[in-house]
Amino acid sequence: MNETLNTLFNHVSVREYLDRKVDDETLNLILKAACSGSTMGNMQLFSVIVTRDEAMKQKLAPLHFNQPMATKAPLILTFCADFRRFNRYCEFRDAETEAYSNLQSYHWAVIDALIAAQNACVAAESLGLGFCWLGTITYNVDKFIEVLNLPKHVIPVACIPMGYPVAKPALTQKLPVEAMVHYETYQDYDKEKIDHLYAEKESSEETQQLLRENNLPNLAQIFTQKRYVKADNEHFAKVLLDALKKQGFMQ
């Protein structure tokens, strides 16, 4: 199998890392991969903040709810949607600087940042590292802006600890490819199709264990009642909206 496809097909989230630093050569390859992806208008509307300093990790730790994967990883990459640099370029070239203070511009920059992040992740895995995307960036976006000293028109969108795995976890069960793929037009899901697409996942031992632990009848209710509940979603949506306004993307 093609080496790149093999890396993609065998991706796992790694949460435990060896006490081994990521050397500069490896880091630079990962960063070069991140900066080589597709980008809106070739503007490269993203920035990457590299965290290796232990004091900074400890400063960020509460924002990551002190999860060991964030506090003990030798390397953390935080990807930001960034129109600051391009706006400054426009300013210094006597071009309009308020053209990108809007939600559309944020959307462009988020896409650029996520493409860069995925490129970095594929590169890291191909070089023998493991990583885990942290959802905490979406909960504490306002606090990350403060700690990382992010100026106007910069918003953090992805935070990824990386390191050499203590051990490679088993593959996480995914939905079949047909669950996500539509041809020509979107094909909506009826109950029969949903039952078919989720059957294997719902019957897995991993899911059965979760049902026992949570005393709930199905995986969907674990998500809506335990993991990502409505009140939390609405609260953090407001945090994000306020941050977008403060950072100049909602003018």
C-alpha atoms as a PDB file:
ATOM      1  CA  MET A   1       0.000   0.000   0.000  1.00  0.00           C
ATOM      2  CA  ASN A   2       1.113   3.564  -0.650  1.00  0.00           C
ATOM      3  CA  GLU A   3       2.943   4.885   2.435  1.00  0.00           C
ATOM      4  CA  THR A   4       0.804   8.008   2.755  1.00  0.00           C
ATOM      5  CA  LEU A   5      -2.423   6.019   2.518  1.00  0.00           C
ATOM      6  CA  ASN A   6      -1.100   3.556   5.066  1.00  0.00           C
ATOM      7  CA  THR A   7      -0.453   6.448   7.468  1.00  0.00           C
ATOM      8  CA  LEU A   8      -3.957   7.820   6.934  1.00  0.00           C
ATOM      9  CA  PHE A   9      -5.757   4.481   7.191  1.00  0.00           C
ATOM     10  CA  ASN A  10      -3.958   3.582  10.426  1.00  0.00           C
ATOM     11  CA  HIS A  11      -4.396   6.842  12.289  1.00  0.00           C
ATOM     12  CA  VAL A  12      -5.023   6.597  16.029  1.00  0.00           C
ATOM     13  CA  SER A  13      -5.213   9.243  18.743  1.00  0.00           C
ATOM     14  CA  VAL A  14      -2.188   8.998  21.041  1.00  0.00           C
ATOM     15  CA  ARG A  15      -2.522  10.312  24.580  1.00  0.00           C
ATOM     16  CA  GLU A  16       0.653   9.019  26.249  1.00  0.00           C
ATOM     17  CA  TYR A  17       4.124  10.079  25.149  1.00  0.00           C
ATOM     18  CA  LEU A  18       7.660   9.008  25.888  1.00  0.00           C
ATOM     19  CA  ASP A  19       9.967  11.407  27.701  1.00  0.00           C
ATOM     20  CA  ARG A  20      11.720  12.193  24.429  1.00  0.00           C
ATOM     21  CA  LYS A  21      12.028  15.600  22.840  1.00  0.00           C
ATOM     22  CA  VAL A  22      11.035  16.316  19.253  1.00  0.00           C
ATOM     23  CA  ASP A  23      14.232  17.587  17.650  1.00  0.00           C
ATOM     24  CA  ASP A  24      14.393  20.726  15.536  1.00  0.00           C
ATOM     25  CA  GLU A  25      14.824  18.866  12.260  1.00  0.00           C
ATOM     26  CA  THR A  26      11.667  16.814  12.829  1.00  0.00           C
ATOM     27  CA  LEU A  27       9.718  19.857  14.007  1.00  0.00           C
ATOM     28  CA  ASN A  28      10.777  21.838  10.958  1.00  0.00           C
ATOM     29  CA  LEU A  29       9.619  19.071   8.616  1.00  0.00           C
ATOM     30  CA  ILE A  30       6.228  19.039  10.346  1.00  0.00           C
ATOM     31  CA  LEU A  31       5.950  22.818  10.090  1.00  0.00           C
ATOM     32  CA  LYS A  32       6.988  22.809   6.445  1.00  0.00           C
ATOM     33  CA  ALA A  33       4.285  20.225   5.719  1.00  0.00           C
ATOM     34  CA  ALA A  34       1.754  22.413   7.539  1.00  0.00           C
ATOM     35  CA  CYS A  35       2.720  25.415   5.435  1.00  0.00           C
ATOM     36  CA  SER A  36       2.584  23.496   2.132  1.00  0.00           C
ATOM     37  CA  GLY A  37      -1.146  22.793   1.999  1.00  0.00           C
ATOM     38  CA  SER A  38      -3.940  24.310  -0.029  1.00  0.00           C
ATOM     39  CA  THR A  39      -4.958  27.820   0.992  1.00  0.00           C
ATOM     40  CA  MET A  40      -7.547  30.452   0.077  1.00  0.00           C
ATOM     41  CA  GLY A  41      -6.129  32.685  -2.671  1.00  0.00           C
ATOM     42  CA  ASN A  42      -2.630  31.578  -1.631  1.00  0.00           C
ATOM     43  CA  MET A  43      -2.921  34.003   1.296  1.00  0.00           C
ATOM     44  CA  GLN A  44      -1.998  31.339   3.920  1.00  0.00           C
ATOM     45  CA  LEU A  45      -4.438  32.687   6.482  1.00  0.00           C
ATOM     46  CA  PHE A  46      -3.122  30.785   9.478  1.00  0.00           C
ATOM     47  CA  SER A  47      -0.399  30.833  12.083  1.00  0.00           C
ATOM     48  CA  VAL A  48       1.117  28.036  14.161  1.00  0.00           C
ATOM     49  CA  ILE A  49       2.203  28.618  17.735  1.00  0.00           C
ATOM     50  CA  VAL A  50       4.828  26.103  18.837  1.00  0.00           C
ATOM     51  CA  THR A  51       4.914  25.280  22.549  1.00  0.00           C
ATOM     52  CA  ARG A  52       7.894  23.370  23.960  1.00  0.00           C
ATOM     53  CA  ASP A  53       8.702  25.465  27.018  1.00  0.00           C
ATOM     54  CA  GLU A  54       7.624  23.728  30.236  1.00  0.00           C
ATOM     55  CA  ALA A  55       6.594  26.974  31.914  1.00  0.00           C
ATOM     56  CA  MET A  56       4.275  27.810  29.028  1.00  0.00           C
ATOM     57  CA  LYS A  57       2.800  24.300  29.109  1.00  0.00           C
ATOM     58  CA  GLN A  58       1.965  24.816  32.767  1.00  0.00           C
ATOM     59  CA  LYS A  59       0.406  28.172  31.954  1.00  0.00           C
ATOM     60  CA  LEU A  60      -1.770  26.502  29.317  1.00  0.00           C
ATOM     61  CA  ALA A  61      -2.541  23.450  31.467  1.00  0.00           C
ATOM     62  CA  PRO A  62      -5.702  24.806  33.176  1.00  0.00           C
ATOM     63  CA  LEU A  63      -7.107  25.734  29.761  1.00  0.00           C
ATOM     64  CA  HIS A  64      -6.675  22.079  28.770  1.00  0.00           C
ATOM     65  CA  PHE A  65      -8.305  20.997  32.053  1.00  0.00           C
ATOM     66  CA  ASN A  66      -4.856  19.705  33.133  1.00  0.00           C
ATOM     67  CA  GLN A  67      -5.109  16.681  30.875  1.00  0.00           C
ATOM     68  CA  PRO A  68      -1.808  14.732  30.944  1.00  0.00           C
ATOM     69  CA  MET A  69      -1.697  14.551  27.152  1.00  0.00           C
ATOM     70  CA  ALA A  70      -1.335  18.345  27.128  1.00  0.00           C
ATOM     71  CA  THR A  71       0.917  18.752  30.149  1.00  0.00           C
ATOM     72  CA  LYS A  72       3.319  15.903  29.356  1.00  0.00           C
ATOM     73  CA  ALA A  73       3.570  16.072  25.554  1.00  0.00           C
ATOM     74  CA  PRO A  74       6.985  17.342  24.445  1.00  0.00           C
ATOM     75  CA  LEU A  75       5.398  19.472  21.734  1.00  0.00           C
ATOM     76  CA  ILE A  76       2.104  21.329  21.320  1.00  0.00           C
ATOM     77  CA  LEU A  77       1.050  23.010  18.096  1.00  0.00           C
ATOM     78  CA  THR A  78      -1.769  25.552  18.229  1.00  0.00           C
ATOM     79  CA  PHE A  79      -3.195  26.484  14.827  1.00  0.00           C
ATOM     80  CA  CYS A  80      -4.858  29.853  14.490  1.00  0.00           C
ATOM     81  CA  ALA A  81      -7.116  31.391  11.888  1.00  0.00           C
ATOM     82  CA  ASP A  82      -5.048  34.474  11.138  1.00  0.00           C
ATOM     83  CA  PHE A  83      -5.922  37.527   9.041  1.00  0.00           C
ATOM     84  CA  ARG A  84      -3.614  39.762  11.068  1.00  0.00           C
ATOM     85  CA  ARG A  85      -0.561  39.166   8.915  1.00  0.00           C
ATOM     86  CA  PHE A  86      -2.394  39.761   5.623  1.00  0.00           C
ATOM     87  CA  ASN A  87      -4.129  42.844   6.993  1.00  0.00           C
ATOM     88  CA  ARG A  88      -0.766  44.248   8.025  1.00  0.00           C
ATOM     89  CA  TYR A  89       0.548  43.504   4.538  1.00  0.00           C
ATOM     90  CA  CYS A  90      -2.373  45.460   3.080  1.00  0.00           C
ATOM     91  CA  GLU A  91      -1.764  48.304   5.515  1.00  0.00           C
ATOM     92  CA  PHE A  92       1.888  48.612   4.542  1.00  0.00           C
ATOM     93  CA  ARG A  93       0.996  48.556   0.829  1.00  0.00           C
ATOM     94  CA  ASP A  94      -1.742  51.214   1.001  1.00  0.00           C
ATOM     95  CA  ALA A  95      -4.464  48.629   0.343  1.00  0.00           C
ATOM     96  CA  GLU A  96      -7.846  48.475   2.081  1.00  0.00           C
ATOM     97  CA  THR A  97      -7.501  47.023   5.582  1.00  0.00           C
ATOM     98  CA  GLU A  98     -11.173  46.600   6.522  1.00  0.00           C
ATOM     99  CA  ALA A  99     -12.085  44.225   3.694  1.00  0.00           C
ATOM    100  CA  TYR A 100     -11.573  41.193   5.905  1.00  0.00           C
ATOM    101  CA  SER A 101     -13.232  42.178   9.195  1.00  0.00           C
ATOM    102  CA  ASN A 102     -16.155  39.836   8.660  1.00  0.00           C
ATOM    103  CA  LEU A 103     -17.396  36.300   9.172  1.00  0.00           C
ATOM    104  CA  GLN A 104     -16.579  35.284   5.589  1.00  0.00           C
ATOM    105  CA  SER A 105     -12.918  36.094   6.192  1.00  0.00           C
ATOM    106  CA  TYR A 106     -12.931  34.088   9.427  1.00  0.00           C
ATOM    107  CA  HIS A 107     -14.389  31.157   7.507  1.00  0.00           C
ATOM    108  CA  TRP A 108     -11.571  31.334   4.953  1.00  0.00           C
ATOM    109  CA  ALA A 109      -8.953  31.482   7.679  1.00  0.00           C
ATOM    110  CA  VAL A 110     -10.448  28.561   9.618  1.00  0.00           C
ATOM    111  CA  ILE A 111     -10.299  26.396   6.494  1.00  0.00           C
ATOM    112  CA  ASP A 112      -6.656  27.349   5.920  1.00  0.00           C
ATOM    113  CA  ALA A 113      -5.764  26.624   9.549  1.00  0.00           C
ATOM    114  CA  LEU A 114      -7.433  23.212   9.573  1.00  0.00           C
ATOM    115  CA  ILE A 115      -5.791  22.160   6.305  1.00  0.00           C
ATOM    116  CA  ALA A 116      -2.432  23.174   7.776  1.00  0.00           C
ATOM    117  CA  ALA A 117      -3.180  21.267  10.977  1.00  0.00           C
ATOM    118  CA  GLN A 118      -4.107  18.088   9.106  1.00  0.00           C
ATOM    119  CA  ASN A 119      -0.963  18.330   6.969  1.00  0.00           C
ATOM    120  CA  ALA A 120       1.113  18.650  10.138  1.00  0.00           C
ATOM    121  CA  CYS A 121      -0.601  15.616  11.666  1.00  0.00           C
ATOM    122  CA  VAL A 122      -0.023  13.397   8.636  1.00  0.00           C
ATOM    123  CA  ALA A 123       3.613  14.488   8.537  1.00  0.00           C
ATOM    124  CA  ALA A 124       4.035  13.820  12.263  1.00  0.00           C
ATOM    125  CA  GLU A 125       2.619  10.302  12.009  1.00  0.00           C
ATOM    126  CA  SER A 126       4.777   9.530   8.994  1.00  0.00           C
ATOM    127  CA  LEU A 127       7.805  10.524  11.108  1.00  0.00           C
ATOM    128  CA  GLY A 128       6.855   8.179  13.939  1.00  0.00           C
ATOM    129  CA  LEU A 129       5.088  10.623  16.237  1.00  0.00           C
ATOM    130  CA  GLY A 130       1.606  10.389  17.659  1.00  0.00           C
ATOM    131  CA  PHE A 131      -0.861  13.148  18.453  1.00  0.00           C
ATOM    132  CA  CYS A 132      -4.339  13.925  19.725  1.00  0.00           C
ATOM    133  CA  TRP A 133      -6.632  16.795  18.721  1.00  0.00           C
ATOM    134  CA  LEU A 134      -7.791  18.647  21.851  1.00  0.00           C
ATOM    135  CA  GLY A 135     -11.361  19.907  22.010  1.00  0.00           C
ATOM    136  CA  THR A 136     -10.441  22.264  24.839  1.00  0.00           C
ATOM    137  CA  ILE A 137      -9.533  24.938  22.296  1.00  0.00           C
ATOM    138  CA  THR A 138     -13.229  25.291  21.468  1.00  0.00           C
ATOM    139  CA  TYR A 139     -14.225  25.674  25.120  1.00  0.00           C
ATOM    140  CA  ASN A 140     -11.636  28.205  26.217  1.00  0.00           C
ATOM    141  CA  VAL A 141     -11.028  30.217  23.063  1.00  0.00           C
ATOM    142  CA  ASP A 142     -11.152  33.518  24.972  1.00  0.00           C
ATOM    143  CA  LYS A 143      -8.565  32.355  27.492  1.00  0.00           C
ATOM    144  CA  PHE A 144      -6.236  31.007  24.788  1.00  0.00           C
ATOM    145  CA  ILE A 145      -6.386  34.400  23.089  1.00  0.00           C
ATOM    146  CA  GLU A 146      -5.202  36.017  26.326  1.00  0.00           C
ATOM    147  CA  VAL A 147      -2.460  33.529  27.255  1.00  0.00           C
ATOM    148  CA  LEU A 148      -1.053  33.277  23.730  1.00  0.00           C
ATOM    149  CA  ASN A 149      -1.195  37.053  23.283  1.00  0.00           C
ATOM    150  CA  LEU A 150      -3.223  36.838  20.078  1.00  0.00           C
ATOM    151  CA  PRO A 151      -3.907  40.213  18.440  1.00  0.00           C
ATOM    152  CA  LYS A 152      -7.022  41.318  16.593  1.00  0.00           C
ATOM    153  CA  HIS A 153      -7.989  39.109  13.622  1.00  0.00           C
ATOM    154  CA  VAL A 154      -6.403  35.973  15.122  1.00  0.00           C
ATOM    155  CA  ILE A 155      -8.490  33.129  16.610  1.00  0.00           C
ATOM    156  CA  PRO A 156      -7.184  29.716  17.807  1.00  0.00           C
ATOM    157  CA  VAL A 157      -8.990  26.815  16.159  1.00  0.00           C
ATOM    158  CA  ALA A 158      -6.965  23.641  16.812  1.00  0.00           C
ATOM    159  CA  CYS A 159      -4.532  22.545  19.508  1.00  0.00           C
ATOM    160  CA  ILE A 160      -2.550  19.350  18.977  1.00  0.00           C
ATOM    161  CA  PRO A 161      -0.067  17.795  21.420  1.00  0.00           C
ATOM    162  CA  MET A 162       2.541  15.592  19.742  1.00  0.00           C
ATOM    163  CA  GLY A 163       5.217  13.169  20.849  1.00  0.00           C
ATOM    164  CA  TYR A 164       6.619   9.691  20.512  1.00  0.00           C
ATOM    165  CA  PRO A 165       3.985   7.180  21.668  1.00  0.00           C
ATOM    166  CA  VAL A 166       4.452   5.031  24.739  1.00  0.00           C
ATOM    167  CA  ALA A 167       2.424   2.448  22.804  1.00  0.00           C
ATOM    168  CA  LYS A 168       0.208   2.575  19.752  1.00  0.00           C
ATOM    169  CA  PRO A 169      -3.468   2.234  20.714  1.00  0.00           C
ATOM    170  CA  ALA A 170      -5.867   0.022  18.810  1.00  0.00           C
ATOM    171  CA  LEU A 171      -7.692   1.558  15.881  1.00  0.00           C
ATOM    172  CA  THR A 172     -10.860   3.416  16.864  1.00  0.00           C
ATOM    173  CA  GLN A 173     -13.972   2.069  15.237  1.00  0.00           C
ATOM    174  CA  LYS A 174     -15.259   4.384  12.536  1.00  0.00           C
ATOM    175  CA  LEU A 175     -18.515   4.517  10.658  1.00  0.00           C
ATOM    176  CA  PRO A 176     -18.361   2.896   7.217  1.00  0.00           C
ATOM    177  CA  VAL A 177     -17.250   5.194   4.409  1.00  0.00           C
ATOM    178  CA  GLU A 178     -20.748   5.079   2.909  1.00  0.00           C
ATOM    179  CA  ALA A 179     -22.049   6.972   5.963  1.00  0.00           C
ATOM    180  CA  MET A 180     -20.198  10.128   4.953  1.00  0.00           C
ATOM    181  CA  VAL A 181     -20.171   9.909   1.151  1.00  0.00           C
ATOM    182  CA  HIS A 182     -22.919  11.174  -1.155  1.00  0.00           C
ATOM    183  CA  TYR A 183     -22.905  11.117  -4.947  1.00  0.00           C
ATOM    184  CA  GLU A 184     -24.143  14.071  -7.002  1.00  0.00           C
ATOM    185  CA  THR A 185     -26.630  15.295  -4.349  1.00  0.00           C
ATOM    186  CA  TYR A 186     -27.092  14.842  -0.620  1.00  0.00           C
ATOM    187  CA  GLN A 187     -29.042  11.691   0.214  1.00  0.00           C
ATOM    188  CA  ASP A 188     -30.888  12.114   3.501  1.00  0.00           C
ATOM    189  CA  TYR A 189     -30.968   9.410   6.180  1.00  0.00           C
ATOM    190  CA  ASP A 190     -34.105   7.466   7.053  1.00  0.00           C
ATOM    191  CA  LYS A 191     -34.323   5.201  10.105  1.00  0.00           C
ATOM    192  CA  GLU A 192     -33.435   2.080   8.133  1.00  0.00           C
ATOM    193  CA  LYS A 193     -30.253   3.661   6.813  1.00  0.00           C
ATOM    194  CA  ILE A 194     -29.267   5.024  10.224  1.00  0.00           C
ATOM    195  CA  ASP A 195     -29.814   1.596  11.803  1.00  0.00           C
ATOM    196  CA  HIS A 196     -27.605   0.039   9.140  1.00  0.00           C
ATOM    197  CA  LEU A 197     -24.803   2.626   9.354  1.00  0.00           C
ATOM    198  CA  TYR A 198     -24.567   2.565  13.156  1.00  0.00           C
ATOM    199  CA  ALA A 199     -25.198  -1.149  13.725  1.00  0.00           C
ATOM    200  CA  GLU A 200     -21.564  -2.225  14.021  1.00  0.00           C
ATOM    201  CA  LYS A 201     -20.572   0.745  16.150  1.00  0.00           C
ATOM    202  CA  GLU A 202     -23.514   0.278  18.524  1.00  0.00           C
ATOM    203  CA  SER A 203     -22.844  -3.421  18.949  1.00  0.00           C
ATOM    204  CA  SER A 204     -19.121  -3.043  19.654  1.00  0.00           C
ATOM    205  CA  GLU A 205     -17.749  -3.937  23.069  1.00  0.00           C
ATOM    206  CA  GLU A 206     -16.467  -0.385  23.455  1.00  0.00           C
ATOM    207  CA  THR A 207     -19.991   0.999  23.093  1.00  0.00           C
ATOM    208  CA  GLN A 208     -21.499  -1.680  25.334  1.00  0.00           C
ATOM    209  CA  GLN A 209     -19.011  -0.754  28.051  1.00  0.00           C
ATOM    210  CA  LEU A 210     -19.964   2.918  27.741  1.00  0.00           C
ATOM    211  CA  LEU A 211     -23.643   2.036  28.031  1.00  0.00           C
ATOM    212  CA  ARG A 212     -22.991   0.092  31.225  1.00  0.00           C
ATOM    213  CA  GLU A 213     -20.872   2.883  32.702  1.00  0.00           C
ATOM    214  CA  ASN A 214     -23.439   5.562  31.927  1.00  0.00           C
ATOM    215  CA  ASN A 215     -26.569   3.496  32.523  1.00  0.00           C
ATOM    216  CA  LEU A 216     -28.091   4.711  29.275  1.00  0.00           C
ATOM    217  CA  PRO A 217     -29.808   2.743  26.486  1.00  0.00           C
ATOM    218  CA  ASN A 218     -27.812   3.948  23.465  1.00  0.00           C
ATOM    219  CA  LEU A 219     -24.746   5.857  22.295  1.00  0.00           C
ATOM    220  CA  ALA A 220     -26.734   8.845  21.022  1.00  0.00           C
ATOM    221  CA  GLN A 221     -27.991   9.562  24.535  1.00  0.00           C
ATOM    222  CA  ILE A 222     -24.455   9.391  25.910  1.00  0.00           C
ATOM    223  CA  PHE A 223     -23.524  12.185  23.522  1.00  0.00           C
ATOM    224  CA  THR A 224     -26.571  14.376  24.201  1.00  0.00           C
ATOM    225  CA  GLN A 225     -26.857  13.776  27.965  1.00  0.00           C
ATOM    226  CA  LYS A 226     -23.249  13.259  29.072  1.00  0.00           C
ATOM    227  CA  ARG A 227     -20.630  14.390  26.560  1.00  0.00           C
ATOM    228  CA  TYR A 228     -21.849  17.423  24.653  1.00  0.00           C
ATOM    229  CA  VAL A 229     -25.010  18.712  26.269  1.00  0.00           C
ATOM    230  CA  LYS A 230     -27.177  21.545  24.993  1.00  0.00           C
ATOM    231  CA  ALA A 231     -26.486  23.988  27.825  1.00  0.00           C
ATOM    232  CA  ASP A 232     -22.728  23.640  27.427  1.00  0.00           C
ATOM    233  CA  ASN A 233     -22.932  23.977  23.659  1.00  0.00           C
ATOM    234  CA  GLU A 234     -24.959  27.170  23.943  1.00  0.00           C
ATOM    235  CA  HIS A 235     -22.590  28.622  26.540  1.00  0.00           C
ATOM    236  CA  PHE A 236     -19.439  27.950  24.531  1.00  0.00           C
ATOM    237  CA  ALA A 237     -21.115  29.158  21.350  1.00  0.00           C
ATOM    238  CA  LYS A 238     -21.583  32.512  23.100  1.00  0.00           C
ATOM    239  CA  VAL A 239     -17.932  32.483  24.219  1.00  0.00           C
ATOM    240  CA  LEU A 240     -16.861  31.941  20.607  1.00  0.00           C
ATOM    241  CA  LEU A 241     -19.214  34.608  19.272  1.00  0.00           C
ATOM    242  CA  ASP A 242     -17.929  37.123  21.815  1.00  0.00           C
ATOM    243  CA  ALA A 243     -14.339  36.251  20.862  1.00  0.00           C
ATOM    244  CA  LEU A 244     -15.102  36.714  17.168  1.00  0.00           C
ATOM    245  CA  LYS A 245     -16.519  40.166  17.912  1.00  0.00           C
ATOM    246  CA  LYS A 246     -13.555  41.113  20.093  1.00  0.00           C
ATOM    247  CA  GLN A 247     -11.051  39.886  17.509  1.00  0.00           C
ATOM    248  CA  GLY A 248     -12.690  41.890  14.734  1.00  0.00           C
ATOM    249  CA  PHE A 249     -14.425  39.219  12.649  1.00  0.00           C
ATOM    250  CA  MET A 250     -18.022  40.338  13.285  1.00  0.00           C
ATOM    251  CA  GLN A 251     -17.959  44.000  12.299  1.00  0.00           C
END
